[in-house]
Protein backbone atom coordinates (compact mmCIF):
# COMPACT_ATOMS: atom_id res chain seq x y z
CA MET A 1 -2.99 -17.30 11.55
CA SER A 2 -2.34 -16.91 7.70
CA GLU A 3 0.47 -14.19 6.59
CA THR A 4 -2.37 -12.35 4.77
CA ALA A 5 -4.43 -12.00 8.69
CA GLU A 6 -1.31 -11.15 10.26
CA LYS A 7 -0.61 -7.76 8.11
CA HIS A 8 -1.81 -4.48 8.24
CA TRP A 9 -2.96 -3.40 4.56
CA VAL A 10 -3.64 0.06 3.26
CA LYS A 11 -5.29 1.04 0.11
CA LEU A 12 -2.89 3.25 -2.01
CA ALA A 13 -4.64 3.42 -5.04
CA GLU A 14 -7.49 2.25 -7.48
CA LEU A 15 -5.81 -0.73 -10.44
CA ASP A 16 -6.58 1.90 -13.04
CA GLU A 17 -4.35 4.61 -11.64
CA VAL A 18 -1.29 2.85 -11.99
CA PRO A 19 -0.41 3.24 -15.58
CA GLU A 20 0.95 -0.01 -18.03
CA GLU A 21 4.61 -0.17 -17.35
CA GLY A 22 4.75 2.82 -15.24
CA VAL A 23 4.76 4.07 -12.08
CA LEU A 24 2.60 6.15 -9.82
CA GLY A 25 4.30 8.05 -6.56
CA VAL A 26 1.60 8.19 -3.41
CA GLU A 27 2.26 8.67 0.11
CA THR A 28 0.81 6.85 2.68
CA ASP A 29 -0.74 8.42 6.13
CA ASP A 30 2.38 8.62 7.82
CA GLU A 31 3.70 10.41 4.88
CA THR A 32 6.27 7.38 3.53
CA PRO A 33 6.57 7.59 0.15
CA ILE A 34 5.79 4.55 -1.92
CA ALA A 35 6.15 4.12 -6.00
CA LEU A 36 3.33 1.71 -7.13
CA VAL A 37 4.89 0.31 -10.24
CA ARG A 38 3.06 -1.85 -12.90
CA SER A 39 5.35 -4.20 -15.25
CA GLU A 40 4.77 -7.13 -17.20
CA GLY A 41 1.15 -7.13 -15.66
CA GLU A 42 2.31 -7.03 -11.91
CA ILE A 43 1.82 -4.69 -9.33
CA TYR A 44 4.74 -3.85 -7.29
CA ALA A 45 5.55 -1.58 -4.41
CA VAL A 46 8.43 0.17 -3.09
CA ARG A 47 9.99 2.86 -1.27
CA ASP A 48 9.88 5.97 -3.72
CA GLU A 49 13.37 7.16 -2.69
CA CYS A 50 16.57 5.85 -4.42
CA THR A 51 18.85 4.77 -1.51
CA HIS A 52 21.74 6.61 -3.67
CA ALA A 53 20.59 10.11 -4.06
CA GLU A 54 17.24 10.07 -2.15
CA VAL A 55 15.24 11.09 -4.92
CA ARG A 56 11.75 9.77 -6.04
CA LEU A 57 12.02 6.72 -8.31
CA SER A 58 8.67 7.20 -9.49
CA GLU A 59 9.80 10.01 -11.76
CA GLY A 60 11.87 7.39 -13.36
CA GLU A 61 11.26 4.71 -15.98
CA VAL A 62 9.60 1.04 -15.60
CA GLU A 63 11.39 -1.55 -17.87
CA GLU A 64 11.10 -5.63 -17.54
CA GLY A 65 10.95 -5.78 -13.64
CA THR A 66 12.96 -2.93 -12.98
CA ILE A 67 12.59 0.93 -11.89
CA GLU A 68 15.78 3.32 -12.80
CA CYS A 69 16.31 6.16 -11.12
CA TRP A 70 16.04 9.25 -13.29
CA LEU A 71 19.03 10.93 -11.83
CA HIS A 72 22.19 9.10 -11.91
CA GLY A 73 20.47 5.59 -13.77
CA SER A 74 20.70 2.93 -11.03
CA CYS A 75 17.80 0.26 -11.85
CA PHE A 76 15.86 -1.56 -9.08
CA ASP A 77 14.69 -5.27 -9.00
CA LEU A 78 10.95 -4.79 -8.31
CA CYS A 79 10.94 -8.02 -6.62
CA THR A 80 13.72 -7.84 -4.12
CA GLY A 81 14.58 -3.83 -4.48
CA ASN A 82 18.37 -4.79 -4.83
CA PRO A 83 20.36 -2.47 -7.19
CA LEU A 84 21.43 -3.89 -10.25
CA ASN A 85 23.78 -1.27 -11.35
CA PRO A 86 26.03 1.72 -9.48
CA PRO A 87 25.93 3.72 -8.52
CA ALA A 88 23.21 3.04 -5.90
CA THR A 89 24.44 -0.12 -3.82
CA LYS A 90 21.72 -0.52 -0.90
CA PRO A 91 18.23 -2.54 -1.84
CA VAL A 92 15.47 -0.10 -1.91
CA ALA A 93 12.46 -1.11 0.62
CA THR A 94 10.04 -3.45 -0.88
CA TYR A 95 6.54 -4.11 0.23
CA ASP A 96 3.68 -6.81 -0.39
CA VAL A 97 0.63 -5.70 -2.68
CA LYS A 98 -2.68 -7.52 -3.17
CA ILE A 99 -5.47 -6.39 -5.38
CA ASP A 100 -8.95 -6.58 -3.96
CA GLY A 101 -11.41 -5.71 -6.75
CA ASP A 102 -10.68 -2.40 -8.07
CA ASP A 103 -7.79 -1.67 -4.93
CA VAL A 104 -4.57 -1.74 -4.62
CA LEU A 105 -3.54 -2.69 -0.75
CA VAL A 106 -0.10 -2.42 0.70
CA SER A 107 1.39 -4.17 3.56
CA LEU A 108 3.39 -1.29 4.88
CA ASP A 109 5.68 -4.07 7.02
CA LYS A 110 8.94 -3.97 4.43
CA LYS A 111 9.77 -7.25 2.93
CA ASN A 112 13.31 -6.11 3.07
CA SER A 113 14.85 -2.90 4.33
């Protein structure tokens, strides 16, 4: 079975709802906060909660493959979820994304935790 067939994909937005070099905060049916981020032409999905201060990352700035927490300035790599500077020391959860027509689909199986 292929990797795609094993995953459960959920539509979280339409492609035009995610701003260029920006972020759209959404919640899943089970109220998991997800930040859909468009950076450098790619769409990423990360848990919409800073691992340092538990505030919404979707309120932060997006730049060159990173998202910055608005409260204390920690930046996270959108591919890996790893923090790039303090005060955050733990990675944010990342999720696989695929585009199906105009739909942004996310697999809620975490790539990392």
